Protein backbone atom coordinates (compact mmCIF):
# COMPACT_ATOMS: atom_id res chain seq x y z
CA MET A 1 47.68 -22.78 -33.18
CA THR A 2 47.74 -24.49 -29.77
CA GLU A 3 44.76 -26.34 -28.34
CA GLY A 4 44.31 -23.58 -25.73
CA ASP A 5 43.96 -20.98 -28.50
CA SER A 6 41.37 -22.87 -30.55
CA PRO A 7 38.36 -20.92 -31.89
CA TRP A 8 36.02 -23.14 -29.92
CA ARG A 9 37.79 -22.28 -26.68
CA ARG A 10 37.70 -18.56 -27.43
CA ARG A 11 34.01 -18.77 -28.30
CA ALA A 12 33.32 -20.61 -25.04
CA ILE A 13 35.12 -17.90 -23.07
CA VAL A 14 33.19 -15.13 -24.85
CA ALA A 15 29.88 -16.97 -24.38
CA GLY A 16 30.65 -17.53 -20.72
CA GLY A 17 31.42 -13.84 -20.27
CA MET A 18 28.18 -12.84 -21.97
CA PHE A 19 26.24 -15.26 -19.77
CA ALA A 20 27.88 -13.81 -16.65
CA VAL A 21 26.94 -10.27 -17.70
CA ALA A 22 23.35 -11.31 -18.43
CA ALA A 23 23.11 -13.06 -15.08
CA TRP A 24 24.41 -9.95 -13.31
CA VAL A 25 21.91 -7.69 -15.09
CA ALA A 26 19.06 -10.02 -14.15
CA GLY A 27 20.20 -10.53 -10.59
CA ALA A 28 21.52 -7.09 -9.68
CA PRO A 29 18.15 -5.67 -8.55
CA ARG A 30 17.61 -8.70 -6.32
CA LEU A 31 21.12 -8.44 -4.89
CA ALA A 32 20.67 -4.72 -4.28
CA SER A 33 17.50 -5.42 -2.34
CA LEU A 34 19.45 -7.50 0.18
CA TRP A 35 21.25 -4.44 1.58
CA PRO A 36 19.41 -1.53 3.23
CA THR A 37 19.45 1.92 1.68
CA GLN A 38 20.78 4.89 3.62
CA LEU A 39 17.35 6.22 4.47
CA GLY A 40 16.70 9.93 4.88
CA TYR A 41 13.80 11.65 6.60
CA GLY A 42 12.25 15.09 6.73
CA ASP A 43 9.67 16.75 8.96
CA ILE A 44 6.14 17.25 7.66
CA ALA A 45 4.95 20.77 8.48
CA GLY A 46 1.86 20.79 10.64
CA LEU A 47 1.73 17.00 10.98
CA ALA A 48 3.91 16.23 13.96
CA PRO A 49 4.97 13.62 14.99
CA PHE A 50 5.03 12.34 11.42
CA ARG A 51 8.07 12.46 9.17
CA GLU A 52 8.42 11.74 5.47
CA LEU A 53 10.88 9.36 3.89
CA THR A 54 12.95 11.20 1.30
CA THR A 55 13.89 7.98 -0.51
CA ALA A 56 11.65 7.45 -3.55
CA GLY A 57 9.55 4.32 -3.98
CA THR A 58 7.66 2.90 -6.94
CA LEU A 59 4.11 4.21 -7.35
CA SER A 60 1.04 3.25 -9.34
CA THR A 61 -0.83 6.41 -10.31
CA ALA A 62 -3.65 7.57 -12.53
CA ASN A 63 -1.86 9.80 -15.04
CA GLY A 64 0.61 10.63 -12.30
CA LEU A 65 -1.86 12.71 -10.28
CA LEU A 66 -4.76 12.34 -7.93
CA THR A 67 -7.11 15.17 -8.80
CA GLY A 68 -7.43 17.64 -5.95
CA LEU A 69 -4.33 16.67 -3.98
CA ASP A 70 -1.99 19.13 -5.67
CA GLY A 71 -4.52 21.92 -6.04
CA PRO A 72 -7.09 23.80 -3.95
CA ALA A 73 -8.88 22.19 -1.02
CA PRO A 74 -12.03 20.24 -1.95
CA ALA A 75 -15.02 22.54 -2.52
CA ASP A 76 -17.56 20.20 -0.90
CA PRO A 77 -18.14 21.44 2.69
CA THR A 78 -18.51 17.91 4.03
CA GLN A 79 -15.21 16.86 2.54
CA GLN A 80 -13.58 20.05 3.76
CA ALA A 81 -14.74 19.13 7.26
CA ARG A 82 -13.20 15.67 6.89
CA VAL A 83 -9.89 17.19 5.81
CA ALA A 84 -9.95 19.56 8.78
CA ALA A 85 -10.65 16.67 11.16
CA VAL A 86 -7.70 14.72 9.74
CA ARG A 87 -5.41 17.71 10.25
CA ALA A 88 -6.67 18.11 13.81
CA ASN A 89 -6.04 14.46 14.70
CA PRO A 90 -4.02 12.61 12.05
CA CYS A 91 -3.25 9.75 14.45
CA LYS A 92 -6.93 8.93 14.87
CA ALA A 93 -7.57 9.25 11.14
CA LEU A 94 -4.76 6.86 10.25
CA PHE A 95 -4.90 4.31 13.04
CA GLY A 96 -8.16 4.89 14.92
CA LEU A 97 -8.50 5.08 18.67
CA GLN A 98 -6.77 1.95 19.87
CA THR A 99 -5.01 0.36 22.80
CA ASP A 100 -3.26 -2.27 20.70
CA PRO A 101 0.45 -2.33 21.64
CA ARG A 102 1.57 -3.42 18.18
CA LEU A 103 3.22 -0.96 15.80
CA PRO A 104 0.44 0.50 13.62
CA ILE A 105 0.87 0.56 9.85
CA ALA A 106 -1.65 2.44 7.70
CA PHE A 107 -1.63 0.98 4.19
CA PHE A 108 -3.39 2.81 1.32
CA SER A 109 -3.87 0.66 -1.77
CA ASP A 110 -5.74 0.13 -5.02
CA PHE A 111 -6.79 -3.28 -6.33
CA ASN A 112 -5.37 -2.43 -9.78
CA CYS A 113 -2.00 -1.44 -8.31
CA PRO A 114 0.71 -4.11 -8.85
CA ASN A 115 3.15 -2.24 -6.61
CA CYS A 116 0.62 -2.42 -3.78
CA ARG A 117 0.69 -6.20 -3.95
CA VAL A 118 4.48 -6.25 -3.66
CA LEU A 119 4.53 -4.07 -0.56
CA GLU A 120 1.55 -5.83 1.00
CA ALA A 121 3.28 -9.19 0.52
CA ASN A 122 6.38 -7.83 2.26
CA LEU A 123 4.33 -6.55 5.19
CA THR A 124 2.37 -9.79 5.43
CA ARG A 125 5.57 -11.80 5.41
CA TYR A 126 7.04 -9.68 8.19
CA ASP A 127 3.84 -10.09 10.22
CA ALA A 128 3.97 -13.88 9.82
CA GLU A 129 7.62 -14.00 10.87
CA ASN A 130 7.15 -11.58 13.78
CA PRO A 131 3.79 -12.32 15.43
CA ASP A 132 2.15 -9.62 17.56
CA THR A 133 4.60 -6.95 16.36
CA ILE A 134 2.72 -4.92 13.74
CA ARG A 135 -0.92 -4.12 13.01
CA ILE A 136 -1.87 -3.34 9.40
CA ILE A 137 -4.80 -0.96 8.94
CA HIS A 138 -6.10 -1.09 5.37
CA HIS A 139 -7.38 2.09 3.70
CA GLU A 140 -9.03 1.78 0.30
CA LEU A 141 -7.76 4.47 -2.10
CA PRO A 142 -9.08 3.51 -5.56
CA LEU A 143 -7.41 5.74 -8.15
CA LEU A 144 -7.02 3.46 -11.15
CA GLY A 145 -10.45 3.20 -12.71
CA ALA A 146 -14.06 2.21 -12.14
CA ASP A 147 -13.22 -1.42 -11.36
CA SER A 148 -10.89 -0.24 -8.59
CA VAL A 149 -13.75 1.70 -7.06
CA THR A 150 -16.07 -1.30 -7.37
CA ALA A 151 -13.57 -3.64 -5.72
CA SER A 152 -12.98 -1.21 -2.87
CA LYS A 153 -16.71 -0.90 -2.28
CA ALA A 154 -17.04 -4.66 -2.38
CA VAL A 155 -14.47 -5.31 0.35
CA LEU A 156 -15.91 -2.55 2.52
CA ALA A 157 -19.37 -4.05 2.09
CA ALA A 158 -17.94 -7.50 2.87
CA ASP A 159 -16.50 -6.05 6.07
CA ARG A 160 -20.06 -5.51 7.31
CA GLN A 161 -20.47 -9.29 7.17
CA GLY A 162 -17.11 -9.97 8.80
CA GLY A 163 -15.70 -11.00 5.43
CA TYR A 164 -13.21 -8.23 4.59
CA ILE A 165 -10.15 -10.46 4.39
CA VAL A 166 -11.80 -13.36 2.55
CA MET A 167 -13.33 -11.01 -0.05
CA ARG A 168 -10.10 -9.04 -0.40
CA ASN A 169 -8.07 -12.19 -0.97
CA ARG A 170 -10.61 -13.44 -3.51
CA LEU A 171 -10.58 -10.19 -5.51
CA LEU A 172 -6.80 -10.04 -5.48
CA ARG A 173 -6.83 -13.35 -7.36
CA ALA A 174 -9.46 -12.27 -9.89
CA ARG A 175 -9.67 -9.91 -12.82
CA LEU A 176 -11.58 -6.96 -11.44
CA VAL A 177 -15.08 -6.29 -12.72
CA THR A 178 -17.70 -3.56 -12.49
CA ASP A 179 -20.69 -5.85 -13.08
CA ALA A 180 -22.88 -6.09 -9.96
CA ASN A 181 -24.19 -9.57 -10.78
CA LEU A 182 -20.69 -10.98 -11.12
CA MET A 183 -19.64 -9.29 -7.86
CA MET A 184 -22.65 -10.88 -6.21
CA ALA A 185 -21.59 -14.29 -7.51
CA ILE A 186 -18.05 -13.78 -6.22
CA ALA A 187 -19.38 -12.85 -2.78
CA ASN A 188 -21.61 -15.92 -2.71
CA SER A 189 -18.66 -18.12 -3.69
CA VAL A 190 -16.75 -17.11 -0.54
CA GLY A 191 -19.68 -17.66 1.79
CA LEU A 192 -21.05 -14.12 1.96
CA ASP A 193 -24.55 -12.84 1.22
CA GLY A 194 -24.04 -11.54 -2.31
CA ALA A 195 -27.34 -9.70 -2.58
CA ARG A 196 -26.73 -7.88 0.70
CA LEU A 197 -23.19 -7.05 -0.35
CA VAL A 198 -24.30 -5.42 -3.60
CA THR A 199 -26.92 -3.39 -1.71
CA ASP A 200 -24.41 -2.28 0.91
CA MET A 201 -21.99 -1.22 -1.81
CA GLN A 202 -24.40 1.61 -2.66
CA SER A 203 -24.83 2.87 0.91
CA PRO A 204 -23.94 6.48 1.83
CA ALA A 205 -21.96 5.25 4.85
CA LEU A 206 -19.70 3.20 2.63
CA ALA A 207 -19.18 6.14 0.27
CA ALA A 208 -18.24 8.22 3.31
CA THR A 209 -15.56 5.67 4.21
CA LEU A 210 -13.95 6.12 0.81
CA ASP A 211 -14.24 9.90 1.15
CA GLN A 212 -12.48 9.66 4.51
CA SER A 213 -9.56 7.86 2.89
CA ARG A 214 -9.42 10.60 0.25
CA ALA A 215 -9.38 13.21 3.00
CA ILE A 216 -6.37 11.54 4.63
CA ALA A 217 -4.71 11.34 1.20
CA THR A 218 -5.32 15.07 0.72
CA VAL A 219 -3.66 15.94 4.03
CA PHE A 220 -0.65 13.66 3.58
CA GLY A 221 -0.21 14.26 -0.16
CA PHE A 222 -0.85 10.68 -1.23
CA TYR A 223 -1.21 11.04 -5.01
CA GLY A 224 -0.61 7.39 -5.87
CA THR A 225 -0.54 3.93 -4.39
CA PRO A 226 0.77 2.32 -2.35
CA SER A 227 1.04 5.01 0.28
CA THR A 228 2.07 3.90 3.74
CA VAL A 229 2.54 5.17 7.26
CA ILE A 230 4.66 2.93 9.50
CA GLY A 231 4.45 4.39 12.97
CA ARG A 232 5.53 7.98 12.39
CA THR A 233 7.23 7.36 9.00
CA VAL A 234 5.31 8.32 5.84
CA PHE A 235 6.33 7.16 2.38
CA LEU A 236 4.90 6.71 -1.09
CA GLY A 237 5.55 3.74 -3.30
CA THR A 238 7.09 0.31 -2.90
CA LEU A 239 10.48 0.08 -1.21
CA PRO A 240 12.88 -2.86 -1.11
CA GLU A 241 11.82 -5.29 1.58
CA VAL A 242 15.03 -4.71 3.53
CA ASP A 243 14.24 -0.98 3.71
CA VAL A 244 10.72 -1.64 4.94
CA ARG A 245 12.11 -3.84 7.68
CA GLN A 246 14.66 -1.18 8.58
CA ILE A 247 11.87 1.39 9.02
CA ILE A 248 9.89 -1.03 11.17
CA ALA A 249 12.94 -1.70 13.35
CA GLU A 250 13.57 2.03 13.78
CA GLU A 251 9.94 2.65 14.71
CA LEU A 252 9.85 -0.23 17.18
CA ALA A 253 12.88 1.29 18.92
CA LYS A 254 11.03 4.59 19.46
CA SER A 255 8.18 5.53 21.73
CA PRO A 256 4.69 5.00 20.24
CA PRO A 257 4.02 7.76 17.69
CA CYS A 258 0.38 8.30 18.58
CA ALA A 259 0.16 7.63 22.30
CA ALA A 260 -2.30 10.48 22.76
CA ALA A 261 -4.72 8.85 20.32
CA ARG A 262 -4.74 5.50 22.10
């Protein structure tokens, strides 16, 4: 047996091959994310100028369904009126009346949704790298349990004190809770009035804000999170960052999708 054919050499070659395969398996998803997907789009009946992305993303859902979105319209007359208003002016419902020249992005998320954090990080990174290009409008769509609802109410209540972002960032770093006293302590720790925040969390106006997000979800068929509208492009789930940037580039190259609502 020659030195080149020794068992140790053969074992090293086999081990090296196995290591290469393992490295490819671990790195393939990351490598795939570096190249854009061939994205496809389809019209959304009755919701012009919006279009839906036919490429699937990764969703976080409550048993795969959001009750009411795949069935009859909500029975509550007030909620029915909200749904009708969204259908009549989806641009206003998603983005509000605005004169901001940046590309609007409506982002529907749940605090218990890990996929939401991935997409939000991608959007935030793009915003940091491309100042004054996009505007992210957050919509709370808590689908994943009572603590999701509590966290959504907390950030909306914090918004009344000008503390939406600071409270949102704090809750994203914490294990979510439903205890009012602990939520009060968290609010106090970030410089907000905790007692006022807990009181505001119970207000009818705040509940109406969450119901409005549900109405938009009903119209657009958002049954899980994240759900996103970039300009005129609607998609569910988390996409590779390169695909998100491709959609943004395509939307920036077009005329504003909701000029009539500005």
